[in-house]
Amino acid sequence: MAYDRQMGRKRRDNMKRNYTYMVKCSDGTLYTGWTTDLEHRVKAHNDGEGAKYTRSRRPVELVYYEEYATKAEAMKREYSIKQLTRKQKEKLIENKNMCII
């Protein structure tokens, strides 16, 4: 088992990971999504193969993510983040990044 610093708990390496994430677009907007491969998804956004929203707002920068055990949990969290105001999203990013440092 490996320790997942983001989630603060142990996980099995062979478990499929599901992520909810936010990227900051070149115009300063925030895009929220979910994926099973965070690195590949951010690259896809920057290659113009990601969401339609981010295609004209490249490059994007990963600013926030959370890891979940199931796709359903990640998608539920994606929806809840999308309901937040920009100010609330910025606070979420700020608080999470402070925990990483």
PDB file of N, CA and C in Angstrom:
ATOM      1  N   MET A   1       0.830  -1.183   0.000  1.00  0.00           N
ATOM      2  CA  MET A   1       0.000   0.000   0.000  1.00  0.00           C
ATOM      3  C   MET A   1       0.875   1.247   0.000  1.00  0.00           C
ATOM      4  N   ALA A   2       0.405   2.261  -0.672  1.00  0.00           N
ATOM      5  CA  ALA A   2       1.099   3.552  -0.715  1.00  0.00           C
ATOM      6  C   ALA A   2       0.247   4.579   0.016  1.00  0.00           C
ATOM      7  N   TYR A   3       0.896   5.594   0.531  1.00  0.00           N
ATOM      8  CA  TYR A   3       0.178   6.651   1.242  1.00  0.00           C
ATOM      9  C   TYR A   3      -0.207   7.739   0.258  1.00  0.00           C
ATOM     10  N   ASP A   4      -1.450   8.126   0.264  1.00  0.00           N
ATOM     11  CA  ASP A   4      -1.945   9.188  -0.606  1.00  0.00           C
ATOM     12  C   ASP A   4      -1.952  10.484   0.187  1.00  0.00           C
ATOM     13  N   ARG A   5      -0.989  11.335  -0.077  1.00  0.00           N
ATOM     14  CA  ARG A   5      -0.836  12.577   0.669  1.00  0.00           C
ATOM     15  C   ARG A   5      -2.038  13.497   0.497  1.00  0.00           C
ATOM     16  N   GLN A   6      -2.602  13.549  -0.689  1.00  0.00           N
ATOM     17  CA  GLN A   6      -3.752  14.421  -0.948  1.00  0.00           C
ATOM     18  C   GLN A   6      -4.948  14.030  -0.085  1.00  0.00           C
ATOM     19  N   MET A   7      -5.213  12.752   0.013  1.00  0.00           N
ATOM     20  CA  MET A   7      -6.398  12.301   0.731  1.00  0.00           C
ATOM     21  C   MET A   7      -6.094  11.948   2.183  1.00  0.00           C
ATOM     22  N   GLY A   8      -4.810  11.854   2.539  1.00  0.00           N
ATOM     23  CA  GLY A   8      -4.442  11.567   3.908  1.00  0.00           C
ATOM     24  C   GLY A   8      -4.802  10.163   4.358  1.00  0.00           C
ATOM     25  N   ARG A   9      -4.746   9.199   3.448  1.00  0.00           N
ATOM     26  CA  ARG A   9      -5.038   7.818   3.824  1.00  0.00           C
ATOM     27  C   ARG A   9      -4.269   6.867   2.917  1.00  0.00           C
ATOM     28  N   LYS A  10      -4.226   5.599   3.321  1.00  0.00           N
ATOM     29  CA  LYS A  10      -3.523   4.603   2.519  1.00  0.00           C
ATOM     30  C   LYS A  10      -4.426   4.126   1.388  1.00  0.00           C
ATOM     31  N   ARG A  11      -3.797   3.756   0.291  1.00  0.00           N
ATOM     32  CA  ARG A  11      -4.546   3.221  -0.846  1.00  0.00           C
ATOM     33  C   ARG A  11      -3.741   2.088  -1.464  1.00  0.00           C
ATOM     34  N   ARG A  12      -4.396   1.235  -2.177  1.00  0.00           N
ATOM     35  CA  ARG A  12      -3.711   0.166  -2.891  1.00  0.00           C
ATOM     36  C   ARG A  12      -3.265   0.689  -4.236  1.00  0.00           C
ATOM     37  N   ASP A  13      -2.031   0.338  -4.629  1.00  0.00           N
ATOM     38  CA  ASP A  13      -1.490   0.832  -5.891  1.00  0.00           C
ATOM     39  C   ASP A  13      -2.264   0.339  -7.102  1.00  0.00           C
ATOM     40  N   ASN A  14      -2.892  -0.824  -7.002  1.00  0.00           N
ATOM     41  CA  ASN A  14      -3.608  -1.360  -8.158  1.00  0.00           C
ATOM     42  C   ASN A  14      -5.040  -0.840  -8.269  1.00  0.00           C
ATOM     43  N   MET A  15      -5.465  -0.017  -7.331  1.00  0.00           N
ATOM     44  CA  MET A  15      -6.807   0.556  -7.401  1.00  0.00           C
ATOM     45  C   MET A  15      -6.852   1.643  -8.471  1.00  0.00           C
ATOM     46  N   LYS A  16      -7.915   1.660  -9.226  1.00  0.00           N
ATOM     47  CA  LYS A  16      -8.088   2.707 -10.223  1.00  0.00           C
ATOM     48  C   LYS A  16      -8.410   4.006  -9.505  1.00  0.00           C
ATOM     49  N   ARG A  17      -7.693   5.030  -9.847  1.00  0.00           N
ATOM     50  CA  ARG A  17      -7.893   6.322  -9.204  1.00  0.00           C
ATOM     51  C   ARG A  17      -8.867   7.163 -10.019  1.00  0.00           C
ATOM     52  N   ASN A  18      -9.653   7.929  -9.327  1.00  0.00           N
ATOM     53  CA  ASN A  18     -10.606   8.845  -9.948  1.00  0.00           C
ATOM     54  C   ASN A  18     -10.372  10.216  -9.352  1.00  0.00           C
ATOM     55  N   TYR A  19     -10.253  11.205 -10.203  1.00  0.00           N
ATOM     56  CA  TYR A  19      -9.909  12.544  -9.747  1.00  0.00           C
ATOM     57  C   TYR A  19     -10.972  13.554 -10.154  1.00  0.00           C
ATOM     58  N   THR A  20     -11.216  14.487  -9.263  1.00  0.00           N
ATOM     59  CA  THR A  20     -11.939  15.705  -9.579  1.00  0.00           C
ATOM     60  C   THR A  20     -10.876  16.787  -9.588  1.00  0.00           C
ATOM     61  N   TYR A  21     -10.892  17.645 -10.586  1.00  0.00           N
ATOM     62  CA  TYR A  21      -9.805  18.616 -10.724  1.00  0.00           C
ATOM     63  C   TYR A  21     -10.321  19.960 -11.214  1.00  0.00           C
ATOM     64  N   MET A  22      -9.486  20.975 -11.012  1.00  0.00           N
ATOM     65  CA  MET A  22      -9.740  22.297 -11.584  1.00  0.00           C
ATOM     66  C   MET A  22      -8.470  22.747 -12.287  1.00  0.00           C
ATOM     67  N   VAL A  23      -8.649  23.314 -13.466  1.00  0.00           N
ATOM     68  CA  VAL A  23      -7.540  23.943 -14.178  1.00  0.00           C
ATOM     69  C   VAL A  23      -7.862  25.421 -14.341  1.00  0.00           C
ATOM     70  N   LYS A  24      -6.809  26.207 -14.326  1.00  0.00           N
ATOM     71  CA  LYS A  24      -6.957  27.639 -14.584  1.00  0.00           C
ATOM     72  C   LYS A  24      -6.602  27.861 -16.043  1.00  0.00           C
ATOM     73  N   CYS A  25      -7.508  28.473 -16.773  1.00  0.00           N
ATOM     74  CA  CYS A  25      -7.314  28.728 -18.201  1.00  0.00           C
ATOM     75  C   CYS A  25      -6.512  30.010 -18.412  1.00  0.00           C
ATOM     76  N   SER A  26      -6.012  30.186 -19.629  1.00  0.00           N
ATOM     77  CA  SER A  26      -5.178  31.352 -19.947  1.00  0.00           C
ATOM     78  C   SER A  26      -5.918  32.673 -19.766  1.00  0.00           C
ATOM     79  N   ASP A  27      -7.247  32.648 -19.842  1.00  0.00           N
ATOM     80  CA  ASP A  27      -8.022  33.881 -19.635  1.00  0.00           C
ATOM     81  C   ASP A  27      -8.413  34.079 -18.170  1.00  0.00           C
ATOM     82  N   GLY A  28      -7.895  33.222 -17.287  1.00  0.00           N
ATOM     83  CA  GLY A  28      -8.146  33.353 -15.858  1.00  0.00           C
ATOM     84  C   GLY A  28      -9.363  32.600 -15.343  1.00  0.00           C
ATOM     85  N   THR A  29     -10.151  32.015 -16.243  1.00  0.00           N
ATOM     86  CA  THR A  29     -11.323  31.262 -15.803  1.00  0.00           C
ATOM     87  C   THR A  29     -10.895  29.905 -15.248  1.00  0.00           C
ATOM     88  N   LEU A  30     -11.797  29.296 -14.496  1.00  0.00           N
ATOM     89  CA  LEU A  30     -11.545  27.979 -13.912  1.00  0.00           C
ATOM     90  C   LEU A  30     -12.456  26.956 -14.571  1.00  0.00           C
ATOM     91  N   TYR A  31     -11.886  25.804 -14.916  1.00  0.00           N
ATOM     92  CA  TYR A  31     -12.658  24.705 -15.487  1.00  0.00           C
ATOM     93  C   TYR A  31     -12.558  23.527 -14.524  1.00  0.00           C
ATOM     94  N   THR A  32     -13.682  22.892 -14.257  1.00  0.00           N
ATOM     95  CA  THR A  32     -13.731  21.738 -13.356  1.00  0.00           C
ATOM     96  C   THR A  32     -14.129  20.501 -14.137  1.00  0.00           C
ATOM     97  N   GLY A  33     -13.456  19.388 -13.862  1.00  0.00           N
ATOM     98  CA  GLY A  33     -13.774  18.129 -14.521  1.00  0.00           C
ATOM     99  C   GLY A  33     -13.403  16.948 -13.648  1.00  0.00           C
ATOM    100  N   TRP A  34     -13.533  15.739 -14.212  1.00  0.00           N
ATOM    101  CA  TRP A  34     -13.108  14.534 -13.506  1.00  0.00           C
ATOM    102  C   TRP A  34     -12.403  13.634 -14.508  1.00  0.00           C
ATOM    103  N   THR A  35     -11.538  12.771 -14.020  1.00  0.00           N
ATOM    104  CA  THR A  35     -10.766  11.888 -14.885  1.00  0.00           C
ATOM    105  C   THR A  35     -10.199  10.727 -14.083  1.00  0.00           C
ATOM    106  N   THR A  36      -9.698   9.714 -14.787  1.00  0.00           N
ATOM    107  CA  THR A  36      -8.973   8.621 -14.136  1.00  0.00           C
ATOM    108  C   THR A  36      -7.472   8.775 -14.335  1.00  0.00           C
ATOM    109  N   ASP A  37      -7.062   9.691 -15.198  1.00  0.00           N
ATOM    110  CA  ASP A  37      -5.640   9.922 -15.476  1.00  0.00           C
ATOM    111  C   ASP A  37      -5.399  11.425 -15.527  1.00  0.00           C
ATOM    112  N   LEU A  38      -4.998  11.969 -14.414  1.00  0.00           N
ATOM    113  CA  LEU A  38      -4.871  13.414 -14.256  1.00  0.00           C
ATOM    114  C   LEU A  38      -3.843  14.014 -15.212  1.00  0.00           C
ATOM    115  N   GLU A  39      -2.672  13.421 -15.269  1.00  0.00           N
ATOM    116  CA  GLU A  39      -1.611  13.951 -16.133  1.00  0.00           C
ATOM    117  C   GLU A  39      -2.038  13.942 -17.599  1.00  0.00           C
ATOM    118  N   HIS A  40      -2.618  12.841 -18.038  1.00  0.00           N
ATOM    119  CA  HIS A  40      -3.067  12.721 -19.428  1.00  0.00           C
ATOM    120  C   HIS A  40      -4.177  13.726 -19.738  1.00  0.00           C
ATOM    121  N   ARG A  41      -5.074  13.918 -18.791  1.00  0.00           N
ATOM    122  CA  ARG A  41      -6.205  14.829 -19.017  1.00  0.00           C
ATOM    123  C   ARG A  41      -5.754  16.278 -19.155  1.00  0.00           C
ATOM    124  N   VAL A  42      -4.821  16.705 -18.300  1.00  0.00           N
ATOM    125  CA  VAL A  42      -4.307  18.077 -18.400  1.00  0.00           C
ATOM    126  C   VAL A  42      -3.581  18.255 -19.732  1.00  0.00           C
ATOM    127  N   LYS A  43      -2.812  17.242 -20.134  1.00  0.00           N
ATOM    128  CA  LYS A  43      -2.121  17.302 -21.429  1.00  0.00           C
ATOM    129  C   LYS A  43      -3.144  17.392 -22.564  1.00  0.00           C
ATOM    130  N   ALA A  44      -4.218  16.635 -22.468  1.00  0.00           N
ATOM    131  CA  ALA A  44      -5.265  16.675 -23.496  1.00  0.00           C
ATOM    132  C   ALA A  44      -5.878  18.073 -23.588  1.00  0.00           C
ATOM    133  N   HIS A  45      -6.134  18.687 -22.439  1.00  0.00           N
ATOM    134  CA  HIS A  45      -6.652  20.062 -22.454  1.00  0.00           C
ATOM    135  C   HIS A  45      -5.674  20.984 -23.181  1.00  0.00           C
ATOM    136  N   ASN A  46      -4.398  20.851 -22.888  1.00  0.00           N
ATOM    137  CA  ASN A  46      -3.394  21.730 -23.493  1.00  0.00           C
ATOM    138  C   ASN A  46      -3.120  21.411 -24.959  1.00  0.00           C
ATOM    139  N   ASP A  47      -3.439  20.196 -25.381  1.00  0.00           N
ATOM    140  CA  ASP A  47      -3.280  19.818 -26.788  1.00  0.00           C
ATOM    141  C   ASP A  47      -4.524  20.129 -27.614  1.00  0.00           C
ATOM    142  N   GLY A  48      -5.536  20.702 -26.983  1.00  0.00           N
ATOM    143  CA  GLY A  48      -6.773  21.029 -27.690  1.00  0.00           C
ATOM    144  C   GLY A  48      -7.697  19.847 -27.861  1.00  0.00           C
ATOM    145  N   GLU A  49      -7.435  18.757 -27.134  1.00  0.00           N
ATOM    146  CA  GLU A  49      -8.247  17.545 -27.238  1.00  0.00           C
ATOM    147  C   GLU A  49      -9.149  17.356 -26.027  1.00  0.00           C
ATOM    148  N   GLY A  50      -9.139  18.316 -25.130  1.00  0.00           N
ATOM    149  CA  GLY A  50      -9.957  18.226 -23.919  1.00  0.00           C
ATOM    150  C   GLY A  50     -11.337  18.794 -24.165  1.00  0.00           C
ATOM    151  N   ALA A  51     -11.911  19.322 -23.134  1.00  0.00           N
ATOM    152  CA  ALA A  51     -13.254  19.890 -23.207  1.00  0.00           C
ATOM    153  C   ALA A  51     -13.305  21.059 -24.187  1.00  0.00           C
ATOM    154  N   LYS A  52     -14.428  21.213 -24.834  1.00  0.00           N
ATOM    155  CA  LYS A  52     -14.633  22.306 -25.784  1.00  0.00           C
ATOM    156  C   LYS A  52     -14.341  23.660 -25.131  1.00  0.00           C
ATOM    157  N   TYR A  53     -14.728  23.797 -23.864  1.00  0.00           N
ATOM    158  CA  TYR A  53     -14.534  25.056 -23.142  1.00  0.00           C
ATOM    159  C   TYR A  53     -13.064  25.461 -23.087  1.00  0.00           C
ATOM    160  N   THR A  54     -12.173  24.507 -22.876  1.00  0.00           N
ATOM    161  CA  THR A  54     -10.754  24.841 -22.690  1.00  0.00           C
ATOM    162  C   THR A  54      -9.985  24.985 -24.004  1.00  0.00           C
ATOM    163  N   ARG A  55     -10.546  24.531 -25.099  1.00  0.00           N
ATOM    164  CA  ARG A  55      -9.817  24.557 -26.382  1.00  0.00           C
ATOM    165  C   ARG A  55      -9.368  25.947 -26.791  1.00  0.00           C
ATOM    166  N   SER A  56     -10.189  26.937 -26.560  1.00  0.00           N
ATOM    167  CA  SER A  56      -9.834  28.308 -26.949  1.00  0.00           C
ATOM    168  C   SER A  56      -9.226  29.090 -25.787  1.00  0.00           C
ATOM    169  N   ARG A  57      -8.941  28.400 -24.699  1.00  0.00           N
ATOM    170  CA  ARG A  57      -8.415  29.069 -23.504  1.00  0.00           C
ATOM    171  C   ARG A  57      -7.101  28.433 -23.044  1.00  0.00           C
ATOM    172  N   ARG A  58      -6.333  27.948 -23.993  1.00  0.00           N
ATOM    173  CA  ARG A  58      -5.056  27.306 -23.674  1.00  0.00           C
ATOM    174  C   ARG A  58      -3.952  28.336 -23.558  1.00  0.00           C
ATOM    175  N   PRO A  59      -2.928  28.001 -22.779  1.00  0.00           N
ATOM    176  CA  PRO A  59      -2.743  26.769 -22.008  1.00  0.00           C
ATOM    177  C   PRO A  59      -3.519  26.809 -20.699  1.00  0.00           C
ATOM    178  N   VAL A  60      -3.714  25.623 -20.136  1.00  0.00           N
ATOM    179  CA  VAL A  60      -4.345  25.516 -18.824  1.00  0.00           C
ATOM    180  C   VAL A  60      -3.309  25.023 -17.826  1.00  0.00           C
ATOM    181  N   GLU A  61      -3.558  25.327 -16.565  1.00  0.00           N
ATOM    182  CA  GLU A  61      -2.653  24.922 -15.490  1.00  0.00           C
ATOM    183  C   GLU A  61      -3.470  24.224 -14.407  1.00  0.00           C
ATOM    184  N   LEU A  62      -3.029  23.046 -14.003  1.00  0.00           N
ATOM    185  CA  LEU A  62      -3.701  22.332 -12.925  1.00  0.00           C
ATOM    186  C   LEU A  62      -3.502  23.106 -11.624  1.00  0.00           C
ATOM    187  N   VAL A  63      -4.603  23.473 -10.972  1.00  0.00           N
ATOM    188  CA  VAL A  63      -4.510  24.247  -9.729  1.00  0.00           C
ATOM    189  C   VAL A  63      -5.121  23.521  -8.533  1.00  0.00           C
ATOM    190  N   TYR A  64      -5.841  22.426  -8.782  1.00  0.00           N
ATOM    191  CA  TYR A  64      -6.521  21.748  -7.680  1.00  0.00           C
ATOM    192  C   TYR A  64      -6.940  20.358  -8.123  1.00  0.00           C
ATOM    193  N   TYR A  65      -6.835  19.397  -7.208  1.00  0.00           N
ATOM    194  CA  TYR A  65      -7.415  18.084  -7.472  1.00  0.00           C
ATOM    195  C   TYR A  65      -7.688  17.347  -6.175  1.00  0.00           C
ATOM    196  N   GLU A  66      -8.607  16.406  -6.248  1.00  0.00           N
ATOM    197  CA  GLU A  66      -8.951  15.505  -5.158  1.00  0.00           C
ATOM    198  C   GLU A  66      -9.022  14.107  -5.748  1.00  0.00           C
ATOM    199  N   GLU A  67      -8.665  13.107  -4.969  1.00  0.00           N
ATOM    200  CA  GLU A  67      -8.704  11.719  -5.429  1.00  0.00           C
ATOM    201  C   GLU A  67      -9.857  10.989  -4.753  1.00  0.00           C
ATOM    202  N   TYR A  68     -10.554  10.159  -5.538  1.00  0.00           N
ATOM    203  CA  TYR A  68     -11.679   9.384  -5.031  1.00  0.00           C
ATOM    204  C   TYR A  68     -11.547   7.929  -5.445  1.00  0.00           C
ATOM    205  N   ALA A  69     -12.189   7.050  -4.682  1.00  0.00           N
ATOM    206  CA  ALA A  69     -12.126   5.617  -4.951  1.00  0.00           C
ATOM    207  C   ALA A  69     -13.005   5.214  -6.133  1.00  0.00           C
ATOM    208  N   THR A  70     -14.086   5.957  -6.363  1.00  0.00           N
ATOM    209  CA  THR A  70     -15.015   5.573  -7.431  1.00  0.00           C
ATOM    210  C   THR A  70     -15.301   6.737  -8.378  1.00  0.00           C
ATOM    211  N   LYS A  71     -15.702   6.362  -9.567  1.00  0.00           N
ATOM    212  CA  LYS A  71     -16.107   7.342 -10.575  1.00  0.00           C
ATOM    213  C   LYS A  71     -17.302   8.151 -10.073  1.00  0.00           C
ATOM    214  N   ALA A  72     -18.240   7.478  -9.444  1.00  0.00           N
ATOM    215  CA  ALA A  72     -19.448   8.152  -8.951  1.00  0.00           C
ATOM    216  C   ALA A  72     -19.106   9.244  -7.943  1.00  0.00           C
ATOM    217  N   GLU A  73     -18.170   8.960  -7.039  1.00  0.00           N
ATOM    218  CA  GLU A  73     -17.762   9.962  -6.049  1.00  0.00           C
ATOM    219  C   GLU A  73     -17.109  11.162  -6.729  1.00  0.00           C
ATOM    220  N   ALA A  74     -16.232  10.883  -7.691  1.00  0.00           N
ATOM    221  CA  ALA A  74     -15.538  11.965  -8.400  1.00  0.00           C
ATOM    222  C   ALA A  74     -16.526  12.827  -9.181  1.00  0.00           C
ATOM    223  N   MET A  75     -17.486  12.193  -9.836  1.00  0.00           N
ATOM    224  CA  MET A  75     -18.477  12.938 -10.611  1.00  0.00           C
ATOM    225  C   MET A  75     -19.398  13.756  -9.703  1.00  0.00           C
ATOM    226  N   LYS A  76     -19.743  13.200  -8.562  1.00  0.00           N
ATOM    227  CA  LYS A  76     -20.581  13.924  -7.602  1.00  0.00           C
ATOM    228  C   LYS A  76     -19.846  15.166  -7.100  1.00  0.00           C
ATOM    229  N   ARG A  77     -18.555  14.999  -6.808  1.00  0.00           N
ATOM    230  CA  ARG A  77     -17.766  16.141  -6.334  1.00  0.00           C
ATOM    231  C   ARG A  77     -17.596  17.176  -7.439  1.00  0.00           C
ATOM    232  N   GLU A  78     -17.400  16.727  -8.688  1.00  0.00           N
ATOM    233  CA  GLU A  78     -17.307  17.652  -9.819  1.00  0.00           C
ATOM    234  C   GLU A  78     -18.560  18.527  -9.869  1.00  0.00           C
ATOM    235  N   TYR A  79     -19.715  17.905  -9.763  1.00  0.00           N
ATOM    236  CA  TYR A  79     -20.974  18.648  -9.802  1.00  0.00           C
ATOM    237  C   TYR A  79     -21.045  19.660  -8.665  1.00  0.00           C
ATOM    238  N   SER A  80     -20.657  19.229  -7.465  1.00  0.00           N
ATOM    239  CA  SER A  80     -20.753  20.143  -6.319  1.00  0.00           C
ATOM    240  C   SER A  80     -19.797  21.323  -6.458  1.00  0.00           C
ATOM    241  N   ILE A  81     -18.613  21.101  -7.002  1.00  0.00           N
ATOM    242  CA  ILE A  81     -17.669  22.206  -7.219  1.00  0.00           C
ATOM    243  C   ILE A  81     -18.218  23.164  -8.271  1.00  0.00           C
ATOM    244  N   LYS A  82     -18.835  22.630  -9.305  1.00  0.00           N
ATOM    245  CA  LYS A  82     -19.394  23.486 -10.357  1.00  0.00           C
ATOM    246  C   LYS A  82     -20.519  24.384  -9.840  1.00  0.00           C
ATOM    247  N   GLN A  83     -21.121  24.022  -8.716  1.00  0.00           N
ATOM    248  CA  GLN A  83     -22.184  24.839  -8.127  1.00  0.00           C
ATOM    249  C   GLN A  83     -21.628  25.992  -7.286  1.00  0.00           C
ATOM    250  N   LEU A  84     -20.336  25.964  -6.985  1.00  0.00           N
ATOM    251  CA  LEU A  84     -19.714  26.995  -6.156  1.00  0.00           C
ATOM    252  C   LEU A  84     -19.505  28.290  -6.937  1.00  0.00           C
ATOM    253  N   THR A  85     -19.430  29.385  -6.218  1.00  0.00           N
ATOM    254  CA  THR A  85     -19.067  30.659  -6.839  1.00  0.00           C
ATOM    255  C   THR A  85     -17.566  30.651  -7.106  1.00  0.00           C
ATOM    256  N   ARG A  86     -17.110  31.573  -7.927  1.00  0.00           N
ATOM    257  CA  ARG A  86     -15.676  31.668  -8.195  1.00  0.00           C
ATOM    258  C   ARG A  86     -14.901  31.907  -6.901  1.00  0.00           C
ATOM    259  N   LYS A  87     -15.422  32.769  -6.065  1.00  0.00           N
ATOM    260  CA  LYS A  87     -14.756  33.077  -4.798  1.00  0.00           C
ATOM    261  C   LYS A  87     -14.619  31.817  -3.936  1.00  0.00           C
ATOM    262  N   GLN A  88     -15.654  31.004  -3.896  1.00  0.00           N
ATOM    263  CA  GLN A  88     -15.611  29.756  -3.130  1.00  0.00           C
ATOM    264  C   GLN A  88     -14.594  28.780  -3.727  1.00  0.00           C
ATOM    265  N   LYS A  89     -14.527  28.728  -5.056  1.00  0.00           N
ATOM    266  CA  LYS A  89     -13.541  27.864  -5.715  1.00  0.00           C
ATOM    267  C   LYS A  89     -12.127  28.328  -5.399  1.00  0.00           C
ATOM    268  N   GLU A  90     -11.904  29.637  -5.437  1.00  0.00           N
ATOM    269  CA  GLU A  90     -10.578  30.174  -5.133  1.00  0.00           C
ATOM    270  C   GLU A  90     -10.175  29.854  -3.696  1.00  0.00           C
ATOM    271  N   LYS A  91     -11.121  29.909  -2.784  1.00  0.00           N
ATOM    272  CA  LYS A  91     -10.849  29.578  -1.382  1.00  0.00           C
ATOM    273  C   LYS A  91     -10.494  28.097  -1.252  1.00  0.00           C
ATOM    274  N   LEU A  92     -11.201  27.256  -1.973  1.00  0.00           N
ATOM    275  CA  LEU A  92     -10.928  25.822  -1.983  1.00  0.00           C
ATOM    276  C   LEU A  92      -9.507  25.563  -2.474  1.00  0.00           C
ATOM    277  N   ILE A  93      -9.128  26.216  -3.564  1.00  0.00           N
ATOM    278  CA  ILE A  93      -7.780  26.076  -4.124  1.00  0.00           C
ATOM    279  C   ILE A  93      -6.742  26.551  -3.118  1.00  0.00           C
ATOM    280  N   GLU A  94      -6.978  27.701  -2.538  1.00  0.00           N
ATOM    281  CA  GLU A  94      -6.041  28.278  -1.566  1.00  0.00           C
ATOM    282  C   GLU A  94      -5.859  27.359  -0.356  1.00  0.00           C
ATOM    283  N   ASN A  95      -6.951  26.849   0.185  1.00  0.00           N
ATOM    284  CA  ASN A  95      -6.878  25.981   1.364  1.00  0.00           C
ATOM    285  C   ASN A  95      -6.195  24.659   1.062  1.00  0.00           C
ATOM    286  N   LYS A  96      -6.479  24.069  -0.080  1.00  0.00           N
ATOM    287  CA  LYS A  96      -5.878  22.784  -0.447  1.00  0.00           C
ATOM    288  C   LYS A  96      -4.389  22.941  -0.675  1.00  0.00           C
ATOM    289  N   ASN A  97      -4.004  24.010  -1.370  1.00  0.00           N
ATOM    290  CA  ASN A  97      -2.594  24.223  -1.657  1.00  0.00           C
ATOM    291  C   ASN A  97      -1.802  24.514  -0.391  1.00  0.00           C
ATOM    292  N   MET A  98      -2.427  25.105   0.606  1.00  0.00           N
ATOM    293  CA  MET A  98      -1.748  25.353   1.873  1.00  0.00           C
ATOM    294  C   MET A  98      -1.461  24.034   2.586  1.00  0.00           C
ATOM    295  N   CYS A  99      -2.321  23.038   2.406  1.00  0.00           N
ATOM    296  CA  CYS A  99      -2.124  21.728   3.031  1.00  0.00           C
ATOM    297  C   CYS A  99      -0.968  20.967   2.390  1.00  0.00           C
ATOM    298  N   ILE A 100      -0.697  21.231   1.132  1.00  0.00           N
ATOM    299  CA  ILE A 100       0.357  20.532   0.402  1.00  0.00           C
ATOM    300  C   ILE A 100       1.733  21.042   0.803  1.00  0.00           C
ATOM    301  N   ILE A 101       1.838  22.323   1.085  1.00  0.00           N
ATOM    302  CA  ILE A 101       3.132  22.948   1.383  1.00  0.00           C
ATOM    303  C   ILE A 101       3.711  22.451   2.683  1.00  0.00           C
TER     304      ILE A 101
END
